[in-house]
Amino acid sequence: MSAIRTTLRRAGLVAALTTAGVLAAAGAAFAHVTVHPETYAKGATDGVLTFRVPNEEDTASTTKVQVFLPTDHPVLGVLVTPQEGWTAQVTTTKLKTPVKTDDGTITEAVSEITWTGGRIRHGQYQDFNVAFGQLPDDTDQLSFKTLQTYSDGNVVRWIEEEQKGAEEPENPAPVLTLTAEDAKTGSDGTSDSASGSASSSSSSSAPAVAADSTSSSDSTARGLGIAGLVVGVLGLAAAGYALARGRGARSE
């Protein structure tokens, strides 16, 4: 009986530890500050970016969020959606290289948005929506470095950029991938935005892309959860087999 109990305890311990590791990995994946959708077309116009900020502290609340927008490849025409309980402060910066648009030359762009006054508690997250007039078309991605301040004074710096072939950094910055223009791009290489019709196209496609991103995240979470359950079942099966084997040995 002592050997059987030892086997049962070991099998249960292995199953519990493995399941806990899987669930911990799932939690870590959702603890990062992220931007949604994760992908937009280069030069897209009249769209919305959502910065999702989860609270990962057990004993403190998030009280301040600072998002820094790149100025080497500026996002033009930034507008902040009013957020109940939060006050947004927008900082603009003079561009080193002005951007020429159909409406004229842009010499300034938003470089920082700071939200204060609200509170994101443990087990909660907050979405901060930012509308834009136009995304740059001369880069493949935009990195939005973010600072997350907690009520206990702790500041988490989501500023690390992922390198190709390397593991994901501990505190990655939210990254928006910019792709080549979609199927609506004309045969001459110009997008619908050049002819004045891309505004509605980009705006209507944004929710669909966001839904795809959310669906992908949900699928990942379900997959990790199922993996943990499978491991647990296998552990119990191994324990049952050991018990049956022990009983068979005694009967012989």
Protein backbone atom coordinates (compact mmCIF):
# COMPACT_ATOMS: atom_id res chain seq x y z
CA MET A 1 0.00 0.00 0.00
CA SER A 2 2.88 2.35 0.76
CA ALA A 3 4.27 1.96 -2.77
CA ILE A 4 0.84 2.56 -4.31
CA ARG A 5 0.26 5.70 -2.26
CA THR A 6 3.69 7.00 -3.23
CA THR A 7 2.93 6.40 -6.92
CA LEU A 8 -0.43 8.14 -6.59
CA ARG A 9 1.11 11.14 -4.89
CA ARG A 10 3.84 11.43 -7.53
CA ALA A 11 1.37 11.15 -10.41
CA GLY A 12 -0.91 13.73 -8.84
CA LEU A 13 1.99 16.08 -8.17
CA VAL A 14 3.27 15.84 -11.75
CA ALA A 15 -0.21 16.51 -13.15
CA ALA A 16 -0.77 19.46 -10.82
CA LEU A 17 2.59 21.07 -11.53
CA THR A 18 2.27 20.63 -15.28
CA THR A 19 -1.27 22.04 -15.32
CA ALA A 20 -0.18 24.98 -13.17
CA GLY A 21 2.68 25.68 -15.58
CA VAL A 22 0.35 25.66 -18.57
CA LEU A 23 -2.12 27.98 -16.87
CA ALA A 24 0.69 30.28 -15.73
CA ALA A 25 1.94 30.53 -19.31
CA ALA A 26 -1.58 31.41 -20.45
CA GLY A 27 -1.82 34.12 -17.80
CA ALA A 28 1.55 35.57 -18.76
CA ALA A 29 0.50 35.80 -22.40
CA PHE A 30 -2.46 37.98 -21.45
CA ALA A 31 -0.62 40.14 -18.92
CA HIS A 32 1.10 42.25 -21.56
CA VAL A 33 -0.09 45.62 -22.79
CA THR A 34 -1.18 45.08 -26.41
CA VAL A 35 -2.52 47.03 -29.37
CA HIS A 36 -5.52 45.89 -31.40
CA PRO A 37 -5.89 45.13 -34.20
CA GLU A 38 -2.38 43.74 -34.48
CA THR A 39 -2.20 44.48 -38.22
CA TYR A 40 -3.15 47.40 -40.47
CA ALA A 41 -2.40 48.25 -44.08
CA LYS A 42 0.37 50.72 -44.75
CA GLY A 43 -1.02 54.22 -45.20
CA ALA A 44 -4.44 53.20 -43.84
CA THR A 45 -6.75 56.11 -43.09
CA ASP A 46 -9.55 56.86 -40.65
CA GLY A 47 -9.10 53.89 -38.32
CA VAL A 48 -8.97 53.11 -34.61
CA LEU A 49 -6.23 51.59 -32.46
CA THR A 50 -7.15 50.03 -29.11
CA PHE A 51 -4.55 49.78 -26.38
CA ARG A 52 -5.52 46.99 -23.97
CA VAL A 53 -4.05 47.35 -20.49
CA PRO A 54 -4.53 44.44 -18.05
CA ASN A 55 -3.77 44.72 -14.34
CA GLU A 56 -1.23 42.07 -13.34
CA GLU A 57 -0.70 43.06 -9.69
CA ASP A 58 -2.54 41.27 -6.87
CA THR A 59 -2.39 44.09 -4.34
CA ALA A 60 -2.30 47.27 -6.45
CA SER A 61 -4.38 48.98 -9.13
CA THR A 62 -3.24 50.61 -12.37
CA THR A 63 -3.69 54.38 -12.01
CA LYS A 64 -1.72 55.80 -14.95
CA VAL A 65 -1.01 54.70 -18.50
CA GLN A 66 1.43 56.45 -20.84
CA VAL A 67 1.60 55.47 -24.50
CA PHE A 68 4.43 56.89 -26.61
CA LEU A 69 3.80 57.21 -30.35
CA PRO A 70 6.75 57.07 -32.76
CA THR A 71 7.71 60.35 -34.38
CA ASP A 72 10.18 58.98 -36.92
CA HIS A 73 7.17 57.36 -38.61
CA PRO A 74 4.36 59.50 -37.19
CA VAL A 75 0.70 58.60 -36.84
CA LEU A 76 -1.26 61.56 -38.20
CA GLY A 77 -4.57 63.03 -37.08
CA VAL A 78 -4.68 61.37 -33.64
CA LEU A 79 -7.87 61.78 -31.60
CA VAL A 80 -8.55 60.29 -28.17
CA THR A 81 -11.90 58.69 -27.34
CA PRO A 82 -13.33 59.97 -24.01
CA GLN A 83 -13.00 57.25 -21.37
CA GLU A 84 -15.28 57.35 -18.34
CA GLY A 85 -13.28 57.93 -15.19
CA TRP A 86 -10.09 58.74 -17.06
CA THR A 87 -8.54 62.03 -18.19
CA ALA A 88 -6.36 62.00 -21.30
CA GLN A 89 -3.48 64.41 -21.83
CA VAL A 90 -2.13 64.59 -25.38
CA THR A 91 1.41 65.80 -26.10
CA THR A 92 2.47 66.90 -29.58
CA THR A 93 6.00 67.16 -30.93
CA LYS A 94 7.49 69.02 -33.86
CA LEU A 95 8.59 66.53 -36.51
CA LYS A 96 12.20 66.45 -37.66
CA THR A 97 10.95 65.54 -41.12
CA PRO A 98 7.59 67.11 -42.08
CA VAL A 99 5.09 64.83 -43.78
CA LYS A 100 3.46 65.91 -47.03
CA THR A 101 -0.21 64.96 -47.43
CA ASP A 102 -3.05 65.83 -49.80
CA ASP A 103 -4.20 68.36 -47.20
CA GLY A 104 -0.83 70.04 -46.87
CA THR A 105 2.44 69.58 -44.99
CA ILE A 106 2.24 68.25 -41.42
CA THR A 107 4.93 69.61 -39.10
CA GLU A 108 3.63 68.30 -35.75
CA ALA A 109 2.27 64.96 -34.52
CA VAL A 110 1.15 63.38 -31.27
CA SER A 111 4.10 61.81 -29.43
CA GLU A 112 2.50 60.82 -26.12
CA ILE A 113 -0.92 60.14 -24.60
CA THR A 114 -1.27 59.89 -20.83
CA TRP A 115 -4.39 58.59 -19.09
CA THR A 116 -4.88 59.30 -15.37
CA GLY A 117 -7.69 59.48 -12.84
CA GLY A 118 -9.10 56.00 -13.37
CA ARG A 119 -8.33 52.66 -11.79
CA ILE A 120 -7.80 49.17 -13.23
CA ARG A 121 -8.13 46.63 -10.43
CA HIS A 122 -6.78 43.10 -10.08
CA GLY A 123 -8.34 40.73 -12.59
CA GLN A 124 -9.53 43.59 -14.82
CA TYR A 125 -8.35 45.32 -17.99
CA GLN A 126 -9.11 48.61 -19.70
CA ASP A 127 -9.30 49.43 -23.41
CA PHE A 128 -8.12 52.88 -24.51
CA ASN A 129 -9.28 53.80 -28.02
CA VAL A 130 -7.28 56.16 -30.24
CA ALA A 131 -8.53 57.26 -33.65
CA PHE A 132 -6.06 58.18 -36.39
CA GLY A 133 -6.27 60.01 -39.67
CA GLN A 134 -3.44 58.20 -41.43
CA LEU A 135 -0.77 55.60 -40.70
CA PRO A 136 2.71 55.84 -42.23
CA ASP A 137 3.45 53.90 -45.42
CA ASP A 138 7.24 53.81 -45.15
CA THR A 139 7.74 51.22 -42.39
CA ASP A 140 6.74 47.63 -41.64
CA GLN A 141 5.77 48.11 -38.01
CA LEU A 142 5.11 50.66 -35.31
CA SER A 143 6.23 50.19 -31.73
CA PHE A 144 4.22 51.95 -29.01
CA LYS A 145 6.34 52.01 -25.86
CA THR A 146 4.12 52.12 -22.78
CA LEU A 147 4.55 52.87 -19.09
CA GLN A 148 2.04 51.38 -16.62
CA THR A 149 1.98 52.95 -13.15
CA TYR A 150 0.41 51.21 -10.14
CA SER A 151 -1.12 52.64 -6.97
CA ASP A 152 1.86 51.41 -4.93
CA GLY A 153 4.26 53.45 -7.07
CA ASN A 154 5.55 50.51 -9.12
CA VAL A 155 6.09 51.30 -12.82
CA VAL A 156 6.17 48.58 -15.45
CA ARG A 157 7.99 49.65 -18.61
CA TRP A 158 6.59 47.94 -21.70
CA ILE A 159 9.41 49.18 -23.90
CA GLU A 160 11.42 46.16 -25.05
CA GLU A 161 11.42 45.36 -28.74
CA GLU A 162 11.44 41.76 -29.89
CA GLN A 163 14.39 40.68 -31.99
CA LYS A 164 14.14 38.17 -34.83
CA GLY A 165 15.08 34.68 -33.76
CA ALA A 166 15.14 35.65 -30.08
CA GLU A 167 12.71 34.82 -27.31
CA GLU A 168 9.94 37.27 -26.50
CA PRO A 169 11.25 39.89 -24.06
CA GLU A 170 9.86 40.07 -20.54
CA ASN A 171 8.23 43.47 -21.06
CA PRO A 172 7.51 43.78 -24.79
CA ALA A 173 6.22 47.02 -26.25
CA PRO A 174 2.89 46.85 -28.12
CA VAL A 175 3.65 46.44 -31.82
CA LEU A 176 1.42 47.17 -34.81
CA THR A 177 2.42 45.34 -37.99
CA LEU A 178 1.94 47.28 -41.23
CA THR A 179 1.33 45.23 -44.35
CA ALA A 180 1.27 45.94 -48.06
CA GLU A 181 -1.97 47.48 -49.25
CA ASP A 182 -4.87 45.05 -49.58
CA ALA A 183 -6.76 43.77 -52.62
CA LYS A 184 -8.32 47.19 -53.14
CA THR A 185 -4.97 48.52 -54.29
CA GLY A 186 -5.18 49.60 -57.92
CA SER A 187 -3.24 47.98 -60.75
CA ASP A 188 -1.06 51.09 -60.96
CA GLY A 189 0.13 50.54 -57.40
CA THR A 190 -1.93 53.30 -55.81
CA SER A 191 -4.40 52.52 -53.05
CA ASP A 192 -8.01 53.65 -52.85
CA SER A 193 -6.88 56.29 -50.36
CA ALA A 194 -5.07 58.04 -53.21
CA SER A 195 -8.36 58.33 -55.10
CA GLY A 196 -10.24 59.48 -52.02
CA SER A 197 -12.22 56.31 -51.34
CA ALA A 198 -10.06 54.44 -48.84
CA SER A 199 -11.39 56.24 -45.77
CA SER A 200 -14.60 54.25 -45.53
CA SER A 201 -12.80 51.04 -46.55
CA SER A 202 -10.20 51.29 -43.81
CA SER A 203 -12.76 52.31 -41.22
CA SER A 204 -15.13 49.44 -41.98
CA SER A 205 -12.38 46.84 -42.10
CA ALA A 206 -10.89 47.75 -38.72
CA PRO A 207 -13.57 46.01 -36.59
CA ALA A 208 -13.18 42.83 -38.60
CA VAL A 209 -9.43 42.78 -38.07
CA ALA A 210 -9.93 43.43 -34.35
CA ALA A 211 -12.37 40.54 -34.15
CA ASP A 212 -9.88 38.22 -35.84
CA SER A 213 -7.19 39.27 -33.34
CA THR A 214 -9.48 38.68 -30.37
CA SER A 215 -10.57 35.33 -31.78
CA SER A 216 -6.93 34.28 -32.16
CA SER A 217 -6.17 35.20 -28.55
CA ASP A 218 -9.24 33.33 -27.32
CA SER A 219 -8.22 30.25 -29.31
CA THR A 220 -4.76 30.35 -27.73
CA ALA A 221 -6.24 30.53 -24.25
CA ARG A 222 -8.64 27.65 -24.93
CA GLY A 223 -5.79 25.58 -26.38
CA LEU A 224 -3.62 26.12 -23.30
CA GLY A 225 -6.51 25.32 -21.00
CA ILE A 226 -7.32 22.11 -22.85
CA ALA A 227 -3.65 21.11 -22.75
CA GLY A 228 -3.67 21.50 -18.99
CA LEU A 229 -6.79 19.37 -18.63
CA VAL A 230 -5.33 16.64 -20.85
CA VAL A 231 -2.19 16.52 -18.75
CA GLY A 232 -4.30 16.23 -15.60
CA VAL A 233 -6.36 13.38 -17.05
CA LEU A 234 -3.21 11.53 -18.10
CA GLY A 235 -1.83 11.90 -14.59
CA LEU A 236 -4.99 10.46 -13.07
CA ALA A 237 -4.96 7.61 -15.59
CA ALA A 238 -1.38 6.77 -14.65
CA ALA A 239 -2.35 6.76 -10.99
CA GLY A 240 -5.30 4.49 -11.68
CA TYR A 241 -3.10 2.09 -13.60
CA ALA A 242 -0.61 1.97 -10.74
CA LEU A 243 -3.42 1.27 -8.26
CA ALA A 244 -4.84 -1.54 -10.38
CA ARG A 245 -1.40 -3.02 -10.87
CA GLY A 246 -0.80 -2.99 -7.12
CA ARG A 247 -4.09 -4.72 -6.41
CA GLY A 248 -3.31 -7.38 -9.03
CA ALA A 249 0.02 -8.07 -7.40
CA ARG A 250 -1.58 -8.54 -4.00
CA SER A 251 -4.25 -10.93 -5.37
CA GLU A 252 -1.55 -13.09 -6.93
